Amino acid sequence: HWTDDTLYWVAKPRIHKTENPRQLHNDTYAAVESDVENLYFLNGVLVPAFVVVRPDWISLKHIETENNQEVRRIMCELYGWERYFADSQAAVVHRRKNDIDNQWECLMESKDGTRMLFVADPSTARKYPLRVPREIKTCDDAQRWLSCGLSQFSVGRG
């Protein structure tokens, strides 16, 4: 790209994909390697670089403060679900079998008071930790709150 006094030259980025030609993926290094910035993707999900190149650096704090549900799920999978439950000292608040796909849902609270509903996506069987408010007491309330922001705790509040 030319300006009045400068030529900007950027080499064509190197791209890594899965079998799906539209899905970026590289589980050992950047999925998009460029002169400007390397981008790290796992199965089409943009993740922080350390998740790919140093998954051993993933900590409870990283998982529990991550806002993106897909990134949080990937971090949990790499960290290990059993290890996550043990290290977070998560306690079961409520558990029920989902009527739709017969999978278990579990509402858990970590030692710092963070509540998450753990569900499995029926189409992919991937497990997701979905953050919910501390006032939520049951899996049903968590599902209602996640679906449309409605539960007995949000009705009537302005």
N, C-alpha and C. Protein backbone atom coordinates (compact mmCIF):
# COMPACT_ATOMS: atom_id res chain seq x y z
N HIS A 1 0.85 -1.18 0.00
CA HIS A 1 0.00 0.00 0.00
C HIS A 1 0.90 1.24 0.00
N TRP A 2 0.66 2.11 -0.94
CA TRP A 2 1.44 3.34 -1.06
C TRP A 2 0.72 4.49 -0.37
N THR A 3 1.49 5.33 0.32
CA THR A 3 0.99 6.63 0.76
C THR A 3 1.88 7.66 0.07
N ASP A 4 1.76 8.93 0.40
CA ASP A 4 2.58 9.95 -0.24
C ASP A 4 4.07 9.75 -0.01
N ASP A 5 4.43 9.22 1.17
CA ASP A 5 5.85 9.08 1.46
C ASP A 5 6.28 7.71 1.96
N THR A 6 5.35 6.74 1.96
CA THR A 6 5.69 5.43 2.52
C THR A 6 5.06 4.30 1.71
N LEU A 7 5.80 3.21 1.63
CA LEU A 7 5.27 1.98 1.05
C LEU A 7 5.12 0.98 2.19
N TYR A 8 3.90 0.47 2.39
CA TYR A 8 3.65 -0.55 3.40
C TYR A 8 3.57 -1.89 2.69
N TRP A 9 4.40 -2.82 3.12
CA TRP A 9 4.43 -4.13 2.50
C TRP A 9 4.17 -5.19 3.55
N VAL A 10 3.15 -5.99 3.30
CA VAL A 10 2.83 -7.09 4.21
C VAL A 10 2.72 -8.34 3.35
N ALA A 11 3.46 -9.35 3.73
CA ALA A 11 3.41 -10.61 2.98
C ALA A 11 2.06 -11.28 3.17
N LYS A 12 1.67 -12.06 2.20
CA LYS A 12 0.43 -12.81 2.29
C LYS A 12 0.50 -13.74 3.51
N PRO A 13 -0.54 -13.74 4.35
CA PRO A 13 -0.48 -14.60 5.54
C PRO A 13 -0.55 -16.08 5.18
N ARG A 14 0.04 -16.88 6.04
CA ARG A 14 -0.04 -18.34 5.89
C ARG A 14 -1.24 -18.81 6.70
N ILE A 15 -2.09 -19.62 6.10
CA ILE A 15 -3.34 -20.04 6.71
C ILE A 15 -3.33 -21.54 6.96
N HIS A 16 -3.82 -21.95 8.16
CA HIS A 16 -3.98 -23.36 8.50
C HIS A 16 -5.46 -23.60 8.74
N LYS A 17 -6.00 -24.69 8.19
CA LYS A 17 -7.43 -24.98 8.30
C LYS A 17 -7.65 -26.43 8.69
N THR A 18 -8.89 -26.72 9.11
CA THR A 18 -9.30 -28.10 9.34
C THR A 18 -9.73 -28.69 8.00
N GLU A 19 -10.35 -29.86 8.04
CA GLU A 19 -10.87 -30.46 6.81
C GLU A 19 -11.91 -29.53 6.18
N ASN A 20 -12.60 -28.76 7.04
CA ASN A 20 -13.55 -27.78 6.56
C ASN A 20 -12.75 -26.59 6.04
N PRO A 21 -12.81 -26.29 4.75
CA PRO A 21 -11.98 -25.22 4.19
C PRO A 21 -12.30 -23.84 4.73
N ARG A 22 -13.40 -23.69 5.46
CA ARG A 22 -13.77 -22.38 6.00
C ARG A 22 -13.47 -22.25 7.48
N GLN A 23 -12.82 -23.26 8.07
CA GLN A 23 -12.60 -23.25 9.51
C GLN A 23 -11.10 -23.22 9.82
N LEU A 24 -10.65 -22.13 10.43
CA LEU A 24 -9.25 -21.98 10.80
C LEU A 24 -8.93 -22.88 11.99
N HIS A 25 -7.74 -23.49 11.94
CA HIS A 25 -7.33 -24.37 13.03
C HIS A 25 -5.84 -24.67 12.94
N ASN A 26 -5.19 -24.60 14.08
CA ASN A 26 -3.83 -25.11 14.23
C ASN A 26 -3.64 -25.37 15.71
N ASP A 27 -3.43 -26.62 16.10
CA ASP A 27 -3.32 -26.93 17.52
C ASP A 27 -1.89 -26.89 18.05
N THR A 28 -0.96 -26.40 17.23
CA THR A 28 0.42 -26.26 17.71
C THR A 28 0.98 -24.85 17.55
N TYR A 29 0.42 -24.06 16.65
CA TYR A 29 0.93 -22.71 16.43
C TYR A 29 -0.19 -21.86 15.85
N ALA A 30 0.14 -20.67 15.37
CA ALA A 30 -0.88 -19.76 14.83
C ALA A 30 -1.58 -20.35 13.62
N ALA A 31 -2.89 -20.17 13.55
CA ALA A 31 -3.65 -20.62 12.39
C ALA A 31 -3.53 -19.61 11.26
N VAL A 32 -3.28 -18.34 11.61
CA VAL A 32 -3.02 -17.29 10.63
C VAL A 32 -1.69 -16.67 11.00
N GLU A 33 -0.68 -16.93 10.20
CA GLU A 33 0.65 -16.38 10.43
C GLU A 33 0.86 -15.21 9.48
N SER A 34 1.12 -14.03 10.05
CA SER A 34 1.35 -12.86 9.20
C SER A 34 2.44 -11.99 9.80
N ASP A 35 2.88 -11.03 8.99
CA ASP A 35 3.88 -10.08 9.45
C ASP A 35 3.30 -9.12 10.49
N VAL A 36 2.01 -8.93 10.48
CA VAL A 36 1.37 -7.96 11.37
C VAL A 36 1.05 -8.58 12.72
N GLU A 37 0.30 -9.69 12.70
CA GLU A 37 -0.10 -10.34 13.95
C GLU A 37 -0.46 -11.79 13.66
N ASN A 38 -0.02 -12.67 14.52
CA ASN A 38 -0.42 -14.07 14.42
C ASN A 38 -1.74 -14.25 15.16
N LEU A 39 -2.63 -15.05 14.59
CA LEU A 39 -3.93 -15.32 15.20
C LEU A 39 -4.04 -16.81 15.46
N TYR A 40 -4.57 -17.17 16.61
CA TYR A 40 -4.63 -18.55 17.05
C TYR A 40 -6.08 -19.02 17.09
N PHE A 41 -6.37 -20.08 16.34
CA PHE A 41 -7.72 -20.64 16.26
C PHE A 41 -7.68 -22.12 16.55
N LEU A 42 -8.67 -22.59 17.28
CA LEU A 42 -8.89 -24.02 17.46
C LEU A 42 -10.30 -24.32 16.96
N ASN A 43 -10.39 -25.11 15.90
CA ASN A 43 -11.67 -25.47 15.29
C ASN A 43 -12.55 -24.25 15.04
N GLY A 44 -11.95 -23.21 14.50
CA GLY A 44 -12.70 -22.02 14.12
C GLY A 44 -12.92 -21.01 15.23
N VAL A 45 -12.44 -21.28 16.44
CA VAL A 45 -12.63 -20.38 17.57
C VAL A 45 -11.33 -19.63 17.83
N LEU A 46 -11.39 -18.29 17.79
CA LEU A 46 -10.22 -17.46 18.09
C LEU A 46 -9.93 -17.54 19.58
N VAL A 47 -8.72 -17.95 19.94
CA VAL A 47 -8.32 -18.11 21.34
C VAL A 47 -7.04 -17.32 21.60
N PRO A 48 -6.76 -16.99 22.87
CA PRO A 48 -5.48 -16.35 23.18
C PRO A 48 -4.32 -17.28 22.79
N ALA A 49 -3.20 -16.70 22.43
CA ALA A 49 -2.05 -17.47 21.95
C ALA A 49 -1.62 -18.56 22.93
N PHE A 50 -1.58 -18.26 24.23
CA PHE A 50 -1.08 -19.23 25.19
C PHE A 50 -1.94 -20.50 25.25
N VAL A 51 -3.20 -20.40 24.89
CA VAL A 51 -4.08 -21.58 24.91
C VAL A 51 -3.58 -22.63 23.92
N VAL A 52 -3.00 -22.16 22.81
CA VAL A 52 -2.48 -23.08 21.80
C VAL A 52 -1.03 -23.45 22.09
N VAL A 53 -0.18 -22.46 22.31
CA VAL A 53 1.26 -22.74 22.41
C VAL A 53 1.70 -23.17 23.81
N ARG A 54 0.96 -22.79 24.83
CA ARG A 54 1.30 -23.19 26.21
C ARG A 54 0.04 -23.52 27.00
N PRO A 55 -0.69 -24.58 26.61
CA PRO A 55 -1.93 -24.91 27.32
C PRO A 55 -1.70 -25.22 28.81
N ASP A 56 -0.47 -25.55 29.17
CA ASP A 56 -0.17 -25.79 30.58
C ASP A 56 -0.24 -24.51 31.41
N TRP A 57 -0.29 -23.35 30.77
CA TRP A 57 -0.44 -22.08 31.48
C TRP A 57 -1.89 -21.77 31.84
N ILE A 58 -2.84 -22.51 31.28
CA ILE A 58 -4.25 -22.24 31.57
C ILE A 58 -4.47 -22.44 33.07
N SER A 59 -5.10 -21.44 33.69
CA SER A 59 -5.36 -21.49 35.13
C SER A 59 -6.85 -21.35 35.40
N LEU A 60 -7.24 -21.61 36.64
CA LEU A 60 -8.63 -21.41 37.05
C LEU A 60 -9.06 -19.98 36.79
N LYS A 61 -8.18 -19.05 37.10
CA LYS A 61 -8.51 -17.63 36.89
C LYS A 61 -8.79 -17.34 35.43
N HIS A 62 -7.97 -17.90 34.52
CA HIS A 62 -8.22 -17.71 33.09
C HIS A 62 -9.61 -18.22 32.72
N ILE A 63 -9.94 -19.42 33.19
CA ILE A 63 -11.23 -20.03 32.84
C ILE A 63 -12.38 -19.22 33.41
N GLU A 64 -12.30 -18.88 34.68
CA GLU A 64 -13.43 -18.25 35.36
C GLU A 64 -13.62 -16.78 34.99
N THR A 65 -12.60 -16.15 34.42
CA THR A 65 -12.76 -14.75 34.02
C THR A 65 -13.00 -14.60 32.51
N GLU A 66 -12.92 -15.70 31.77
CA GLU A 66 -13.15 -15.64 30.32
C GLU A 66 -14.63 -15.43 30.05
N ASN A 67 -14.95 -14.41 29.25
CA ASN A 67 -16.35 -14.09 28.94
C ASN A 67 -16.91 -14.89 27.77
N ASN A 68 -16.07 -15.29 26.84
CA ASN A 68 -16.54 -16.02 25.67
C ASN A 68 -16.76 -17.49 26.03
N GLN A 69 -17.99 -17.98 25.84
CA GLN A 69 -18.33 -19.34 26.23
C GLN A 69 -17.55 -20.39 25.46
N GLU A 70 -17.32 -20.17 24.18
CA GLU A 70 -16.56 -21.14 23.38
C GLU A 70 -15.11 -21.21 23.85
N VAL A 71 -14.51 -20.06 24.12
CA VAL A 71 -13.12 -20.04 24.60
C VAL A 71 -13.05 -20.69 25.97
N ARG A 72 -14.02 -20.41 26.84
CA ARG A 72 -14.06 -21.02 28.18
C ARG A 72 -14.18 -22.54 28.07
N ARG A 73 -15.01 -23.02 27.15
CA ARG A 73 -15.17 -24.46 26.95
C ARG A 73 -13.85 -25.09 26.51
N ILE A 74 -13.18 -24.45 25.55
CA ILE A 74 -11.90 -24.98 25.07
C ILE A 74 -10.88 -25.01 26.20
N MET A 75 -10.83 -23.94 26.99
CA MET A 75 -9.90 -23.90 28.12
C MET A 75 -10.19 -25.04 29.10
N CYS A 76 -11.47 -25.27 29.40
CA CYS A 76 -11.84 -26.36 30.31
C CYS A 76 -11.44 -27.71 29.75
N GLU A 77 -11.65 -27.91 28.46
CA GLU A 77 -11.28 -29.18 27.85
C GLU A 77 -9.77 -29.40 27.93
N LEU A 78 -8.99 -28.37 27.65
CA LEU A 78 -7.54 -28.50 27.71
C LEU A 78 -7.02 -28.63 29.14
N TYR A 79 -7.66 -27.93 30.06
CA TYR A 79 -7.30 -27.99 31.48
C TYR A 79 -7.67 -29.35 32.06
N GLY A 80 -8.80 -29.88 31.55
CA GLY A 80 -9.32 -31.16 32.04
C GLY A 80 -10.51 -30.91 32.95
N TRP A 81 -11.66 -31.50 32.59
CA TRP A 81 -12.88 -31.25 33.37
C TRP A 81 -12.73 -31.72 34.81
N GLU A 82 -12.20 -32.92 35.02
CA GLU A 82 -12.05 -33.44 36.38
C GLU A 82 -11.13 -32.54 37.20
N ARG A 83 -10.03 -32.13 36.59
CA ARG A 83 -9.09 -31.24 37.28
C ARG A 83 -9.75 -29.90 37.60
N TYR A 84 -10.56 -29.39 36.65
CA TYR A 84 -11.24 -28.12 36.88
C TYR A 84 -12.17 -28.23 38.08
N PHE A 85 -12.99 -29.28 38.14
CA PHE A 85 -13.91 -29.44 39.26
C PHE A 85 -13.17 -29.59 40.58
N ALA A 86 -12.07 -30.35 40.57
CA ALA A 86 -11.30 -30.55 41.80
C ALA A 86 -10.63 -29.26 42.24
N ASP A 87 -9.95 -28.57 41.32
CA ASP A 87 -9.20 -27.37 41.67
C ASP A 87 -10.10 -26.20 42.06
N SER A 88 -11.26 -26.11 41.44
CA SER A 88 -12.17 -25.00 41.76
C SER A 88 -12.98 -25.29 43.02
N GLN A 89 -12.85 -26.52 43.52
CA GLN A 89 -13.61 -26.95 44.70
C GLN A 89 -15.09 -26.66 44.50
N ALA A 90 -15.54 -26.94 43.29
CA ALA A 90 -16.93 -26.68 42.94
C ALA A 90 -17.85 -27.64 43.67
N ALA A 91 -18.95 -27.10 44.17
CA ALA A 91 -19.95 -27.89 44.87
C ALA A 91 -21.22 -27.92 44.04
N VAL A 92 -21.86 -29.07 44.00
CA VAL A 92 -23.10 -29.20 43.26
C VAL A 92 -24.21 -28.48 44.02
N VAL A 93 -24.88 -27.56 43.34
CA VAL A 93 -26.02 -26.83 43.92
C VAL A 93 -27.31 -27.55 43.53
N HIS A 94 -27.40 -27.99 42.28
CA HIS A 94 -28.58 -28.69 41.79
C HIS A 94 -28.19 -29.51 40.57
N ARG A 95 -28.87 -30.62 40.38
CA ARG A 95 -28.58 -31.50 39.25
C ARG A 95 -29.90 -32.07 38.74
N ARG A 96 -30.02 -32.18 37.43
CA ARG A 96 -31.23 -32.78 36.86
C ARG A 96 -30.94 -33.34 35.48
N LYS A 97 -31.80 -34.27 35.06
CA LYS A 97 -31.69 -34.84 33.72
C LYS A 97 -32.54 -34.01 32.79
N ASN A 98 -31.93 -33.58 31.68
CA ASN A 98 -32.60 -32.76 30.69
C ASN A 98 -33.64 -33.60 29.94
N ASP A 99 -34.85 -33.08 29.81
CA ASP A 99 -35.93 -33.81 29.14
C ASP A 99 -35.71 -33.93 27.64
N ILE A 100 -35.01 -32.98 27.05
CA ILE A 100 -34.85 -32.94 25.59
C ILE A 100 -33.90 -34.04 25.09
N ASP A 101 -32.71 -34.11 25.66
CA ASP A 101 -31.72 -35.06 25.15
C ASP A 101 -31.25 -36.07 26.20
N ASN A 102 -31.91 -36.09 27.35
CA ASN A 102 -31.61 -37.05 28.41
C ASN A 102 -30.18 -36.90 28.97
N GLN A 103 -29.60 -35.73 28.80
CA GLN A 103 -28.27 -35.44 29.34
C GLN A 103 -28.41 -34.79 30.72
N TRP A 104 -27.42 -35.02 31.56
CA TRP A 104 -27.43 -34.38 32.87
C TRP A 104 -27.00 -32.93 32.77
N GLU A 105 -27.67 -32.08 33.51
CA GLU A 105 -27.27 -30.69 33.69
C GLU A 105 -26.88 -30.55 35.15
N CYS A 106 -25.90 -29.73 35.40
CA CYS A 106 -25.44 -29.58 36.77
C CYS A 106 -25.14 -28.11 37.05
N LEU A 107 -25.77 -27.57 38.10
CA LEU A 107 -25.50 -26.21 38.55
C LEU A 107 -24.47 -26.32 39.67
N MET A 108 -23.32 -25.66 39.46
CA MET A 108 -22.24 -25.76 40.44
C MET A 108 -21.78 -24.38 40.87
N GLU A 109 -21.21 -24.35 42.07
CA GLU A 109 -20.66 -23.10 42.60
C GLU A 109 -19.22 -23.34 43.02
N SER A 110 -18.30 -22.49 42.52
CA SER A 110 -16.90 -22.61 42.89
C SER A 110 -16.68 -21.95 44.25
N LYS A 111 -15.50 -22.13 44.80
CA LYS A 111 -15.22 -21.60 46.13
C LYS A 111 -15.31 -20.08 46.20
N ASP A 112 -15.16 -19.39 45.04
CA ASP A 112 -15.28 -17.93 45.05
C ASP A 112 -16.71 -17.46 44.84
N GLY A 113 -17.66 -18.40 44.76
CA GLY A 113 -19.06 -18.04 44.62
C GLY A 113 -19.56 -17.96 43.19
N THR A 114 -18.69 -18.22 42.21
CA THR A 114 -19.11 -18.21 40.82
C THR A 114 -20.02 -19.41 40.57
N ARG A 115 -21.19 -19.15 39.99
CA ARG A 115 -22.12 -20.23 39.66
C ARG A 115 -22.11 -20.46 38.16
N MET A 116 -22.06 -21.74 37.80
CA MET A 116 -22.09 -22.12 36.39
C MET A 116 -23.01 -23.31 36.20
N LEU A 117 -23.76 -23.24 35.12
CA LEU A 117 -24.57 -24.37 34.71
C LEU A 117 -23.75 -25.14 33.68
N PHE A 118 -23.52 -26.41 33.94
CA PHE A 118 -22.78 -27.26 33.01
C PHE A 118 -23.77 -28.06 32.20
N VAL A 119 -23.73 -27.85 30.89
CA VAL A 119 -24.66 -28.52 29.98
C VAL A 119 -23.89 -29.12 28.82
N ALA A 120 -24.52 -30.08 28.16
CA ALA A 120 -23.95 -30.65 26.94
C ALA A 120 -24.81 -30.22 25.77
N ASP A 121 -24.17 -29.79 24.70
CA ASP A 121 -24.88 -29.42 23.48
C ASP A 121 -25.33 -30.72 22.81
N PRO A 122 -26.64 -30.91 22.60
CA PRO A 122 -27.11 -32.17 22.03
C PRO A 122 -26.62 -32.43 20.61
N SER A 123 -26.30 -31.39 19.86
CA SER A 123 -25.87 -31.60 18.48
C SER A 123 -24.39 -31.94 18.37
N THR A 124 -23.58 -31.51 19.34
CA THR A 124 -22.14 -31.76 19.26
C THR A 124 -21.60 -32.58 20.43
N ALA A 125 -22.39 -32.71 21.50
CA ALA A 125 -21.99 -33.39 22.74
C ALA A 125 -20.89 -32.63 23.47
N ARG A 126 -20.59 -31.41 23.04
CA ARG A 126 -19.61 -30.59 23.76
C ARG A 126 -20.22 -30.10 25.06
N LYS A 127 -19.39 -30.04 26.09
CA LYS A 127 -19.83 -29.55 27.39
C LYS A 127 -19.52 -28.06 27.48
N TYR A 128 -20.46 -27.33 28.08
CA TYR A 128 -20.28 -25.89 28.23
C TYR A 128 -20.51 -25.47 29.67
N PRO A 129 -19.59 -24.68 30.23
CA PRO A 129 -19.83 -24.04 31.53
C PRO A 129 -20.42 -22.65 31.29
N LEU A 130 -21.68 -22.47 31.64
CA LEU A 130 -22.38 -21.22 31.38
C LEU A 130 -22.57 -20.46 32.69
N ARG A 131 -22.00 -19.26 32.78
CA ARG A 131 -22.06 -18.46 33.99
C ARG A 131 -23.47 -17.94 34.23
N VAL A 132 -23.95 -18.04 35.47
CA VAL A 132 -25.28 -17.54 35.85
C VAL A 132 -25.15 -16.75 37.15
N PRO A 133 -26.16 -15.93 37.48
CA PRO A 133 -26.10 -15.17 38.74
C PRO A 133 -26.11 -16.08 39.97
N ARG A 134 -25.55 -15.58 41.04
CA ARG A 134 -25.47 -16.37 42.28
C ARG A 134 -26.83 -16.69 42.88
N GLU A 135 -27.85 -15.88 42.55
CA GLU A 135 -29.19 -16.10 43.12
C GLU A 135 -29.87 -17.33 42.54
N ILE A 136 -29.40 -17.80 41.39
CA ILE A 136 -30.01 -18.96 40.73
C ILE A 136 -29.78 -20.20 41.59
N LYS A 137 -30.85 -20.96 41.84
CA LYS A 137 -30.77 -22.13 42.73
C LYS A 137 -31.00 -23.46 42.03
N THR A 138 -31.63 -23.44 40.84
CA THR A 138 -31.93 -24.70 40.16
C THR A 138 -31.49 -24.64 38.69
N CYS A 139 -31.35 -25.81 38.10
CA CYS A 139 -31.00 -25.89 36.68
C CYS A 139 -32.08 -25.27 35.81
N ASP A 140 -33.35 -25.47 36.20
CA ASP A 140 -34.46 -24.89 35.43
C ASP A 140 -34.39 -23.36 35.43
N ASP A 141 -34.15 -22.76 36.60
CA ASP A 141 -34.02 -21.30 36.67
C ASP A 141 -32.83 -20.82 35.85
N ALA A 142 -31.74 -21.58 35.89
CA ALA A 142 -30.55 -21.21 35.11
C ALA A 142 -30.86 -21.25 33.62
N GLN A 143 -31.58 -22.29 33.18
CA GLN A 143 -31.95 -22.40 31.76
C GLN A 143 -32.84 -21.24 31.34
N ARG A 144 -33.84 -20.90 32.19
CA ARG A 144 -34.72 -19.78 31.86
C ARG A 144 -33.93 -18.48 31.78
N TRP A 145 -33.04 -18.27 32.75
CA TRP A 145 -32.25 -17.04 32.76
C TRP A 145 -31.36 -16.97 31.53
N LEU A 146 -30.72 -18.08 31.16
CA LEU A 146 -29.84 -18.10 29.99
C LEU A 146 -30.61 -17.96 28.69
N SER A 147 -31.81 -18.54 28.63
CA SER A 147 -32.59 -18.52 27.39
C SER A 147 -33.09 -17.13 27.05
N CYS A 148 -33.65 -16.45 28.05
CA CYS A 148 -34.23 -15.15 27.72
C CYS A 148 -34.12 -14.15 28.86
N GLY A 149 -33.25 -14.42 29.81
CA GLY A 149 -33.06 -13.48 30.90
C GLY A 149 -34.20 -13.46 31.89
N LEU A 150 -35.04 -14.50 31.85
CA LEU A 150 -36.18 -14.54 32.75
C LEU A 150 -36.03 -15.65 33.77
N SER A 151 -36.28 -15.32 34.99
CA SER A 151 -36.37 -16.29 36.07
C SER A 151 -37.18 -15.64 37.17
N GLN A 152 -37.43 -16.36 38.21
CA GLN A 152 -38.19 -15.76 39.31
C GLN A 152 -37.41 -14.60 39.93
N PHE A 153 -36.11 -14.52 39.66
CA PHE A 153 -35.28 -13.49 40.24
C PHE A 153 -35.27 -12.21 39.41
N SER A 154 -35.62 -12.31 38.12
CA SER A 154 -35.56 -11.11 37.30
C SER A 154 -36.94 -10.52 36.99
N VAL A 155 -37.99 -11.25 37.26
CA VAL A 155 -39.33 -10.76 36.98
C VAL A 155 -39.64 -9.61 37.92
N GLY A 156 -40.11 -8.52 37.36
CA GLY A 156 -40.52 -7.38 38.17
C GLY A 156 -39.40 -6.43 38.54
N ARG A 157 -38.17 -6.78 38.17
CA ARG A 157 -37.07 -5.84 38.46
C ARG A 157 -36.90 -4.91 37.28
N GLY A 158 -36.62 -3.65 37.58
CA GLY A 158 -36.48 -2.67 36.52
C GLY A 158 -35.10 -2.49 36.18
